[in-house]
Each structure stands twice: as structure tokens, then as C-alpha cells.
């Protein structure tokens, strides 16, 4: 699926691996206590079962690739937040 964040953060969890390709913009991904900064053309892999937070202080458009879990376990949404960019700390609270 294709998705965008504009000054927003999104936290979710999938029972299978998720691959995100940044088509345009600048994205941060926090997973397992580690934050990765990704830009246009970069890929980021979120392992199955990990709670991950994605945020774009300004804008990011991504292509997410994951499928249904063969065991039928659902994905879970943990949160959505509108964020304001801060030069000293681009991370949402």
C-alpha cells in the first residue's frame, strides 16, 4: 500500500515482517528502542511482532509491503499523533 505522513506520527504492530520504501521525503522509524532515519530511495524493514513508530516532521510518502498473516493474527494500531517539527528534536513525544 502507498501511504503518507505530513507532520504526523503513526505507531503500529504487524504479526509479519513489513518493508517500507520511502518514495519521497524524510522519515524516522523507531523500532525495538532504535531510531532509523530514512530518506527518498531508502528501505526500512520492521520485523514481525515489533511495535514501530513512523514519523515525518514535514513529509514522507512510502510504499509499505506486507501481507496477511497465514495464521490469521491481526495487525494492531497503537496510535496516531499530529506533530510539530522541532529543530532540536524531530522525534514525537
PDB file of N, CA and C in Angstrom:
ATOM      1  N   UNK A   1       0.835  -1.168   0.000  1.00  0.00           N
ATOM      2  CA  UNK A   1       0.000   0.000   0.000  1.00  0.00           C
ATOM      3  C   UNK A   1       0.886   1.239   0.000  1.00  0.00           C
ATOM      4  N   UNK A   2       0.386   2.316  -0.544  1.00  0.00           N
ATOM      5  CA  UNK A   2       1.096   3.591  -0.524  1.00  0.00           C
ATOM      6  C   UNK A   2       0.469   4.447   0.575  1.00  0.00           C
ATOM      7  N   UNK A   3       1.324   5.145   1.335  1.00  0.00           N
ATOM      8  CA  UNK A   3       0.809   5.987   2.404  1.00  0.00           C
ATOM      9  C   UNK A   3       1.703   7.189   2.613  1.00  0.00           C
ATOM     10  N   UNK A   4       1.174   8.212   3.286  1.00  0.00           N
ATOM     11  CA  UNK A   4       1.890   9.468   3.508  1.00  0.00           C
ATOM     12  C   UNK A   4       1.749   9.901   4.966  1.00  0.00           C
ATOM     13  N   UNK A   5       2.751  10.623   5.418  1.00  0.00           N
ATOM     14  CA  UNK A   5       2.693  11.314   6.701  1.00  0.00           C
ATOM     15  C   UNK A   5       3.115  12.752   6.447  1.00  0.00           C
ATOM     16  N   UNK A   6       2.359  13.696   6.993  1.00  0.00           N
ATOM     17  CA  UNK A   6       2.654  15.128   6.870  1.00  0.00           C
ATOM     18  C   UNK A   6       2.624  15.728   8.271  1.00  0.00           C
ATOM     19  N   UNK A   7       3.800  15.840   8.884  1.00  0.00           N
ATOM     20  CA  UNK A   7       3.834  16.343  10.252  1.00  0.00           C
ATOM     21  C   UNK A   7       3.045  15.457  11.192  1.00  0.00           C
ATOM     22  N   UNK A   8       3.191  14.142  11.018  1.00  0.00           N
ATOM     23  CA  UNK A   8       2.403  13.167  11.775  1.00  0.00           C
ATOM     24  C   UNK A   8       3.276  11.992  12.199  1.00  0.00           C
ATOM     25  N   UNK A   9       2.793  11.273  13.190  1.00  0.00           N
ATOM     26  CA  UNK A   9       3.425  10.004  13.554  1.00  0.00           C
ATOM     27  C   UNK A   9       2.358   8.922  13.610  1.00  0.00           C
ATOM     28  N   UNK A  10       2.791   7.694  13.387  1.00  0.00           N
ATOM     29  CA  UNK A  10       1.902   6.534  13.336  1.00  0.00           C
ATOM     30  C   UNK A  10       2.613   5.382  14.021  1.00  0.00           C
ATOM     31  N   UNK A  11       1.922   4.720  14.942  1.00  0.00           N
ATOM     32  CA  UNK A  11       2.505   3.573  15.650  1.00  0.00           C
ATOM     33  C   UNK A  11       1.621   2.359  15.414  1.00  0.00           C
ATOM     34  N   UNK A  12       2.261   1.264  14.981  1.00  0.00           N
ATOM     35  CA  UNK A  12       1.502   0.037  14.745  1.00  0.00           C
ATOM     36  C   UNK A  12       2.358  -1.190  14.980  1.00  0.00           C
ATOM     37  N   UNK A  13       1.733  -2.323  14.822  1.00  0.00           N
ATOM     38  CA  UNK A  13       2.390  -3.621  15.036  1.00  0.00           C
ATOM     39  C   UNK A  13       1.777  -4.618  14.066  1.00  0.00           C
ATOM     40  N   UNK A  14       2.650  -5.362  13.374  1.00  0.00           N
ATOM     41  CA  UNK A  14       2.185  -6.371  12.423  1.00  0.00           C
ATOM     42  C   UNK A  14       2.734  -7.738  12.834  1.00  0.00           C
ATOM     43  N   UNK A  15       1.971  -8.799  12.629  1.00  0.00           N
ATOM     44  CA  UNK A  15       2.436 -10.133  13.008  1.00  0.00           C
ATOM     45  C   UNK A  15       3.442 -10.718  12.012  1.00  0.00           C
ATOM     46  N   UNK A  16       3.698  -9.993  10.923  1.00  0.00           N
ATOM     47  CA  UNK A  16       4.672 -10.440   9.912  1.00  0.00           C
ATOM     48  C   UNK A  16       5.599  -9.271   9.585  1.00  0.00           C
ATOM     49  N   UNK A  17       6.721  -9.562   8.922  1.00  0.00           N
ATOM     50  CA  UNK A  17       7.662  -8.510   8.536  1.00  0.00           C
ATOM     51  C   UNK A  17       6.984  -7.464   7.660  1.00  0.00           C
ATOM     52  N   UNK A  18       7.424  -6.208   7.816  1.00  0.00           N
ATOM     53  CA  UNK A  18       6.916  -5.103   6.996  1.00  0.00           C
ATOM     54  C   UNK A  18       8.114  -4.381   6.389  1.00  0.00           C
ATOM     55  N   UNK A  19       8.052  -4.138   5.097  1.00  0.00           N
ATOM     56  CA  UNK A  19       9.104  -3.422   4.380  1.00  0.00           C
ATOM     57  C   UNK A  19       8.521  -2.106   3.883  1.00  0.00           C
ATOM     58  N   UNK A  20       9.199  -1.002   4.184  1.00  0.00           N
ATOM     59  CA  UNK A  20       8.766   0.321   3.726  1.00  0.00           C
ATOM     60  C   UNK A  20       9.837   0.935   2.847  1.00  0.00           C
ATOM     61  N   UNK A  21       9.426   1.378   1.676  1.00  0.00           N
ATOM     62  CA  UNK A  21      10.304   2.073   0.738  1.00  0.00           C
ATOM     63  C   UNK A  21       9.869   3.537   0.728  1.00  0.00           C
ATOM     64  N   UNK A  22      10.808   4.449   1.030  1.00  0.00           N
ATOM     65  CA  UNK A  22      10.484   5.874   1.030  1.00  0.00           C
ATOM     66  C   UNK A  22      10.556   6.365  -0.413  1.00  0.00           C
ATOM     67  N   UNK A  23       9.387   6.706  -0.952  1.00  0.00           N
ATOM     68  CA  UNK A  23       9.287   7.183  -2.333  1.00  0.00           C
ATOM     69  C   UNK A  23       9.703   8.642  -2.415  1.00  0.00           C
ATOM     70  N   UNK A  24       9.347   9.393  -1.366  1.00  0.00           N
ATOM     71  CA  UNK A  24       9.655  10.814  -1.355  1.00  0.00           C
ATOM     72  C   UNK A  24       9.675  11.303   0.084  1.00  0.00           C
ATOM     73  N   UNK A  25      10.616  12.163   0.405  1.00  0.00           N
ATOM     74  CA  UNK A  25      10.621  12.812   1.706  1.00  0.00           C
ATOM     75  C   UNK A  25      11.629  12.265   2.691  1.00  0.00           C
ATOM     76  N   UNK A  26      11.302  12.473   3.978  1.00  0.00           N
ATOM     77  CA  UNK A  26      12.221  12.212   5.082  1.00  0.00           C
ATOM     78  C   UNK A  26      11.419  11.588   6.214  1.00  0.00           C
ATOM     79  N   UNK A  27      11.820  10.408   6.639  1.00  0.00           N
ATOM     80  CA  UNK A  27      11.069   9.620   7.609  1.00  0.00           C
ATOM     81  C   UNK A  27      11.991   9.122   8.712  1.00  0.00           C
ATOM     82  N   UNK A  28      11.446   9.014   9.917  1.00  0.00           N
ATOM     83  CA  UNK A  28      12.126   8.372  11.032  1.00  0.00           C
ATOM     84  C   UNK A  28      11.304   7.158  11.435  1.00  0.00           C
ATOM     85  N   UNK A  29      11.983   6.083  11.803  1.00  0.00           N
ATOM     86  CA  UNK A  29      11.302   4.875  12.253  1.00  0.00           C
ATOM     87  C   UNK A  29      11.967   4.420  13.545  1.00  0.00           C
ATOM     88  N   UNK A  30      11.160   4.273  14.614  1.00  0.00           N
ATOM     89  CA  UNK A  30      11.665   3.770  15.891  1.00  0.00           C
ATOM     90  C   UNK A  30      11.102   2.364  16.083  1.00  0.00           C
ATOM     91  N   UNK A  31      12.001   1.417  16.336  1.00  0.00           N
ATOM     92  CA  UNK A  31      11.620   0.018  16.489  1.00  0.00           C
ATOM     93  C   UNK A  31      12.617  -0.643  17.434  1.00  0.00           C
ATOM     94  N   UNK A  32      12.130  -1.349  18.418  1.00  0.00           N
ATOM     95  CA  UNK A  32      12.994  -2.039  19.388  1.00  0.00           C
ATOM     96  C   UNK A  32      14.016  -1.097  20.025  1.00  0.00           C
ATOM     97  N   UNK A  33      13.585   0.136  20.323  1.00  0.00           N
ATOM     98  CA  UNK A  33      14.452   1.098  21.002  1.00  0.00           C
ATOM     99  C   UNK A  33      15.476   1.777  20.127  1.00  0.00           C
ATOM    100  N   UNK A  34      15.462   1.498  18.843  1.00  0.00           N
ATOM    101  CA  UNK A  34      16.438   2.076  17.918  1.00  0.00           C
ATOM    102  C   UNK A  34      15.711   2.935  16.880  1.00  0.00           C
ATOM    103  N   UNK A  35      16.252   4.124  16.607  1.00  0.00           N
ATOM    104  CA  UNK A  35      15.657   5.019  15.617  1.00  0.00           C
ATOM    105  C   UNK A  35      16.505   5.035  14.363  1.00  0.00           C
ATOM    106  N   UNK A  36      15.834   4.874  13.220  1.00  0.00           N
ATOM    107  CA  UNK A  36      16.489   4.894  11.914  1.00  0.00           C
ATOM    108  C   UNK A  36      15.946   6.070  11.122  1.00  0.00           C
ATOM    109  N   UNK A  37      16.830   6.822  10.504  1.00  0.00           N
ATOM    110  CA  UNK A  37      16.445   7.935   9.642  1.00  0.00           C
ATOM    111  C   UNK A  37      16.516   7.463   8.200  1.00  0.00           C
ATOM    112  N   UNK A  38      15.428   7.611   7.462  1.00  0.00           N
ATOM    113  CA  UNK A  38      15.388   7.161   6.071  1.00  0.00           C
ATOM    114  C   UNK A  38      14.921   8.303   5.172  1.00  0.00           C
ATOM    115  N   UNK A  39      15.460   8.327   3.973  1.00  0.00           N
ATOM    116  CA  UNK A  39      15.157   9.383   3.009  1.00  0.00           C
ATOM    117  C   UNK A  39      14.736   8.759   1.682  1.00  0.00           C
ATOM    118  N   UNK A  40      14.394   9.599   0.750  1.00  0.00           N
ATOM    119  CA  UNK A  40      13.957   9.155  -0.573  1.00  0.00           C
ATOM    120  C   UNK A  40      14.880   8.057  -1.108  1.00  0.00           C
ATOM    121  N   UNK A  41      14.282   6.941  -1.503  1.00  0.00           N
ATOM    122  CA  UNK A  41      15.034   5.830  -2.074  1.00  0.00           C
ATOM    123  C   UNK A  41      15.455   4.773  -1.074  1.00  0.00           C
ATOM    124  N   UNK A  42      15.391   5.074   0.213  1.00  0.00           N
ATOM    125  CA  UNK A  42      15.812   4.128   1.246  1.00  0.00           C
ATOM    126  C   UNK A  42      14.709   3.126   1.571  1.00  0.00           C
ATOM    127  N   UNK A  43      15.126   1.976   2.096  1.00  0.00           N
ATOM    128  CA  UNK A  43      14.221   0.922   2.564  1.00  0.00           C
ATOM    129  C   UNK A  43      14.428   0.729   4.059  1.00  0.00           C
ATOM    130  N   UNK A  44      13.365   0.384   4.748  1.00  0.00           N
ATOM    131  CA  UNK A  44      13.482   0.041   6.159  1.00  0.00           C
ATOM    132  C   UNK A  44      12.619  -1.197   6.413  1.00  0.00           C
ATOM    133  N   UNK A  45      13.192  -2.165   7.127  1.00  0.00           N
ATOM    134  CA  UNK A  45      12.498  -3.404   7.453  1.00  0.00           C
ATOM    135  C   UNK A  45      12.122  -3.380   8.928  1.00  0.00           C
ATOM    136  N   UNK A  46      10.853  -3.627   9.213  1.00  0.00           N
ATOM    137  CA  UNK A  46      10.369  -3.751  10.587  1.00  0.00           C
ATOM    138  C   UNK A  46      10.028  -5.224  10.794  1.00  0.00           C
ATOM    139  N   UNK A  47      10.692  -5.871  11.757  1.00  0.00           N
ATOM    140  CA  UNK A  47      10.463  -7.306  11.938  1.00  0.00           C
ATOM    141  C   UNK A  47       9.087  -7.613  12.516  1.00  0.00           C
ATOM    142  N   UNK A  48       8.621  -8.788  12.236  1.00  0.00           N
ATOM    143  CA  UNK A  48       7.326  -9.272  12.726  1.00  0.00           C
ATOM    144  C   UNK A  48       7.220  -9.113  14.236  1.00  0.00           C
ATOM    145  N   UNK A  49       6.072  -8.641  14.688  1.00  0.00           N
ATOM    146  CA  UNK A  49       5.807  -8.526  16.115  1.00  0.00           C
ATOM    147  C   UNK A  49       6.343  -7.279  16.778  1.00  0.00           C
ATOM    148  N   UNK A  50       7.120  -6.482  16.058  1.00  0.00           N
ATOM    149  CA  UNK A  50       7.692  -5.277  16.647  1.00  0.00           C
ATOM    150  C   UNK A  50       6.679  -4.137  16.621  1.00  0.00           C
ATOM    151  N   UNK A  51       6.610  -3.383  17.712  1.00  0.00           N
ATOM    152  CA  UNK A  51       5.825  -2.157  17.730  1.00  0.00           C
ATOM    153  C   UNK A  51       6.734  -1.082  17.153  1.00  0.00           C
ATOM    154  N   UNK A  52       6.272  -0.422  16.097  1.00  0.00           N
ATOM    155  CA  UNK A  52       7.116   0.564  15.433  1.00  0.00           C
ATOM    156  C   UNK A  52       6.380   1.888  15.300  1.00  0.00           C
ATOM    157  N   UNK A  53       7.146   2.970  15.434  1.00  0.00           N
ATOM    158  CA  UNK A  53       6.610   4.314  15.262  1.00  0.00           C
ATOM    159  C   UNK A  53       7.302   4.942  14.067  1.00  0.00           C
ATOM    160  N   UNK A  54       6.499   5.456  13.159  1.00  0.00           N
ATOM    161  CA  UNK A  54       6.978   6.150  11.962  1.00  0.00           C
ATOM    162  C   UNK A  54       6.603   7.610  12.131  1.00  0.00           C
ATOM    163  N   UNK A  55       7.519   8.527  11.831  1.00  0.00           N
ATOM    164  CA  UNK A  55       7.130   9.929  11.854  1.00  0.00           C
ATOM    165  C   UNK A  55       7.883  10.722  10.803  1.00  0.00           C
ATOM    166  N   UNK A  56       7.163  11.699  10.280  1.00  0.00           N
ATOM    167  CA  UNK A  56       7.706  12.610   9.272  1.00  0.00           C
ATOM    168  C   UNK A  56       7.476  14.028   9.784  1.00  0.00           C
ATOM    169  N   UNK A  57       8.534  14.700  10.241  1.00  0.00           N
ATOM    170  CA  UNK A  57       8.365  16.056  10.741  1.00  0.00           C
ATOM    171  C   UNK A  57       7.752  16.989   9.694  1.00  0.00           C
ATOM    172  N   UNK A  58       8.061  16.727   8.422  1.00  0.00           N
ATOM    173  CA  UNK A  58       7.487  17.535   7.354  1.00  0.00           C
ATOM    174  C   UNK A  58       6.627  16.674   6.432  1.00  0.00           C
ATOM    175  N   UNK A  59       7.262  15.759   5.675  1.00  0.00           N
ATOM    176  CA  UNK A  59       6.520  14.958   4.696  1.00  0.00           C
ATOM    177  C   UNK A  59       7.304  13.709   4.335  1.00  0.00           C
ATOM    178  N   UNK A  60       6.594  12.616   4.192  1.00  0.00           N
ATOM    179  CA  UNK A  60       7.167  11.382   3.655  1.00  0.00           C
ATOM    180  C   UNK A  60       6.047  10.600   2.968  1.00  0.00           C
ATOM    181  N   UNK A  61       6.378  10.041   1.811  1.00  0.00           N
ATOM    182  CA  UNK A  61       5.452   9.160   1.082  1.00  0.00           C
ATOM    183  C   UNK A  61       6.154   7.818   0.955  1.00  0.00           C
ATOM    184  N   UNK A  62       5.471   6.751   1.352  1.00  0.00           N
ATOM    185  CA  UNK A  62       6.082   5.432   1.413  1.00  0.00           C
ATOM    186  C   UNK A  62       5.244   4.389   0.692  1.00  0.00           C
ATOM    187  N   UNK A  63       5.919   3.320   0.318  1.00  0.00           N
ATOM    188  CA  UNK A  63       5.262   2.123  -0.182  1.00  0.00           C
ATOM    189  C   UNK A  63       5.528   1.043   0.859  1.00  0.00           C
ATOM    190  N   UNK A  64       4.480   0.553   1.505  1.00  0.00           N
ATOM    191  CA  UNK A  64       4.608  -0.490   2.524  1.00  0.00           C
ATOM    192  C   UNK A  64       4.247  -1.831   1.890  1.00  0.00           C
ATOM    193  N   UNK A  65       5.071  -2.836   2.174  1.00  0.00           N
ATOM    194  CA  UNK A  65       4.834  -4.168   1.633  1.00  0.00           C
ATOM    195  C   UNK A  65       4.748  -5.160   2.792  1.00  0.00           C
ATOM    196  N   UNK A  66       3.583  -5.739   2.950  1.00  0.00           N
ATOM    197  CA  UNK A  66       3.355  -6.821   3.900  1.00  0.00           C
ATOM    198  C   UNK A  66       2.041  -7.479   3.507  1.00  0.00           C
ATOM    199  N   UNK A  67       1.849  -8.656   3.946  1.00  0.00           N
ATOM    200  CA  UNK A  67       0.641  -9.375   3.555  1.00  0.00           C
ATOM    201  C   UNK A  67      -0.104  -9.880   4.763  1.00  0.00           C
ATOM    202  N   UNK A  68      -1.176 -10.596   4.546  1.00  0.00           N
ATOM    203  CA  UNK A  68      -1.907 -11.157   5.675  1.00  0.00           C
ATOM    204  C   UNK A  68      -1.079 -12.247   6.354  1.00  0.00           C
ATOM    205  N   UNK A  69      -1.283 -12.393   7.614  1.00  0.00           N
ATOM    206  CA  UNK A  69      -0.595 -13.433   8.367  1.00  0.00           C
ATOM    207  C   UNK A  69      -1.259 -14.773   8.057  1.00  0.00           C
ATOM    208  N   UNK A  70      -0.483 -15.782   7.652  1.00  0.00           N
ATOM    209  CA  UNK A  70      -1.073 -17.090   7.353  1.00  0.00           C
ATOM    210  C   UNK A  70      -1.815 -17.698   8.547  1.00  0.00           C
ATOM    211  N   UNK A  71      -1.449 -17.261   9.756  1.00  0.00           N
ATOM    212  CA  UNK A  71      -2.115 -17.783  10.952  1.00  0.00           C
ATOM    213  C   UNK A  71      -3.319 -16.930  11.354  1.00  0.00           C
ATOM    214  N   UNK A  72      -3.594 -15.860  10.601  1.00  0.00           N
ATOM    215  CA  UNK A  72      -4.776 -15.047  10.856  1.00  0.00           C
ATOM    216  C   UNK A  72      -4.655 -14.022  11.966  1.00  0.00           C
ATOM    217  N   UNK A  73      -3.442 -13.799  12.483  1.00  0.00           N
ATOM    218  CA  UNK A  73      -3.274 -12.797  13.541  1.00  0.00           C
ATOM    219  C   UNK A  73      -3.435 -11.400  12.946  1.00  0.00           C
ATOM    220  N   UNK A  74      -4.141 -10.500  13.613  1.00  0.00           N
ATOM    221  CA  UNK A  74      -4.381  -9.170  13.056  1.00  0.00           C
ATOM    222  C   UNK A  74      -3.221  -8.210  13.315  1.00  0.00           C
ATOM    223  N   UNK A  75      -3.131  -7.180  12.480  1.00  0.00           N
ATOM    224  CA  UNK A  75      -2.245  -6.049  12.751  1.00  0.00           C
ATOM    225  C   UNK A  75      -2.946  -5.189  13.797  1.00  0.00           C
ATOM    226  N   UNK A  76      -2.155  -4.417  14.558  1.00  0.00           N
ATOM    227  CA  UNK A  76      -2.749  -3.572  15.593  1.00  0.00           C
ATOM    228  C   UNK A  76      -2.255  -2.144  15.442  1.00  0.00           C
ATOM    229  N   UNK A  77      -3.163  -1.204  15.562  1.00  0.00           N
ATOM    230  CA  UNK A  77      -2.815   0.211  15.559  1.00  0.00           C
ATOM    231  C   UNK A  77      -2.648   0.638  17.012  1.00  0.00           C
ATOM    232  N   UNK A  78      -1.519   1.273  17.315  1.00  0.00           N
ATOM    233  CA  UNK A  78      -1.243   1.713  18.683  1.00  0.00           C
ATOM    234  C   UNK A  78      -1.441   3.206  18.858  1.00  0.00           C
ATOM    235  N   UNK A  79      -1.367   3.982  17.764  1.00  0.00           N
ATOM    236  CA  UNK A  79      -1.563   5.411  17.944  1.00  0.00           C
ATOM    237  C   UNK A  79      -1.279   6.238  16.719  1.00  0.00           C
ATOM    238  N   UNK A  80      -1.838   7.427  16.737  1.00  0.00           N
ATOM    239  CA  UNK A  80      -1.625   8.437  15.713  1.00  0.00           C
ATOM    240  C   UNK A  80      -1.453   9.761  16.447  1.00  0.00           C
ATOM    241  N   UNK A  81      -0.527  10.586  15.953  1.00  0.00           N
ATOM    242  CA  UNK A  81      -0.289  11.864  16.594  1.00  0.00           C
ATOM    243  C   UNK A  81       0.092  12.901  15.548  1.00  0.00           C
ATOM    244  N   UNK A  82      -0.469  14.075  15.662  1.00  0.00           N
ATOM    245  CA  UNK A  82      -0.071  15.211  14.843  1.00  0.00           C
ATOM    246  C   UNK A  82       1.132  15.820  15.544  1.00  0.00           C
ATOM    247  N   UNK A  83       2.229  16.048  14.837  1.00  0.00           N
ATOM    248  CA  UNK A  83       3.438  16.588  15.460  1.00  0.00           C
ATOM    249  C   UNK A  83       3.820  17.914  14.823  1.00  0.00           C
ATOM    250  N   UNK A  84       4.519  18.708  15.586  1.00  0.00           N
ATOM    251  CA  UNK A  84       5.083  19.953  15.080  1.00  0.00           C
ATOM    252  C   UNK A  84       6.583  19.769  15.006  1.00  0.00           C
ATOM    253  N   UNK A  85       7.196  20.113  13.873  1.00  0.00           N
ATOM    254  CA  UNK A  85       8.647  19.935  13.764  1.00  0.00           C
ATOM    255  C   UNK A  85       9.394  20.835  14.742  1.00  0.00           C
ATOM    256  N   UNK A  86      10.396  20.254  15.349  1.00  0.00           N
ATOM    257  CA  UNK A  86      11.273  20.994  16.255  1.00  0.00           C
ATOM    258  C   UNK A  86      12.703  20.712  15.847  1.00  0.00           C
ATOM    259  N   UNK A  87      13.476  21.735  15.488  1.00  0.00           N
ATOM    260  CA  UNK A  87      14.852  21.524  15.026  1.00  0.00           C
ATOM    261  C   UNK A  87      15.727  20.801  16.051  1.00  0.00           C
ATOM    262  N   UNK A  88      15.463  21.007  17.348  1.00  0.00           N
ATOM    263  CA  UNK A  88      16.300  20.399  18.372  1.00  0.00           C
ATOM    264  C   UNK A  88      15.954  18.941  18.637  1.00  0.00           C
ATOM    265  N   UNK A  89      14.752  18.505  18.217  1.00  0.00           N
ATOM    266  CA  UNK A  89      14.333  17.132  18.468  1.00  0.00           C
ATOM    267  C   UNK A  89      13.219  16.758  17.503  1.00  0.00           C
ATOM    268  N   UNK A  90      13.530  16.077  16.397  1.00  0.00           N
ATOM    269  CA  UNK A  90      12.496  15.735  15.425  1.00  0.00           C
ATOM    270  C   UNK A  90      11.590  14.583  15.845  1.00  0.00           C
ATOM    271  N   UNK A  91      11.833  14.005  17.018  1.00  0.00           N
ATOM    272  CA  UNK A  91      11.083  12.844  17.477  1.00  0.00           C
ATOM    273  C   UNK A  91       9.781  13.267  18.148  1.00  0.00           C
ATOM    274  N   UNK A  92       8.674  12.591  17.844  1.00  0.00           N
ATOM    275  CA  UNK A  92       7.443  12.891  18.579  1.00  0.00           C
ATOM    276  C   UNK A  92       7.566  12.468  20.032  1.00  0.00           C
ATOM    277  N   UNK A  93       6.733  13.021  20.863  1.00  0.00           N
ATOM    278  CA  UNK A  93       6.799  12.711  22.313  1.00  0.00           C
ATOM    279  C   UNK A  93       6.483  11.267  22.595  1.00  0.00           C
TER     280      UNK A  93
END
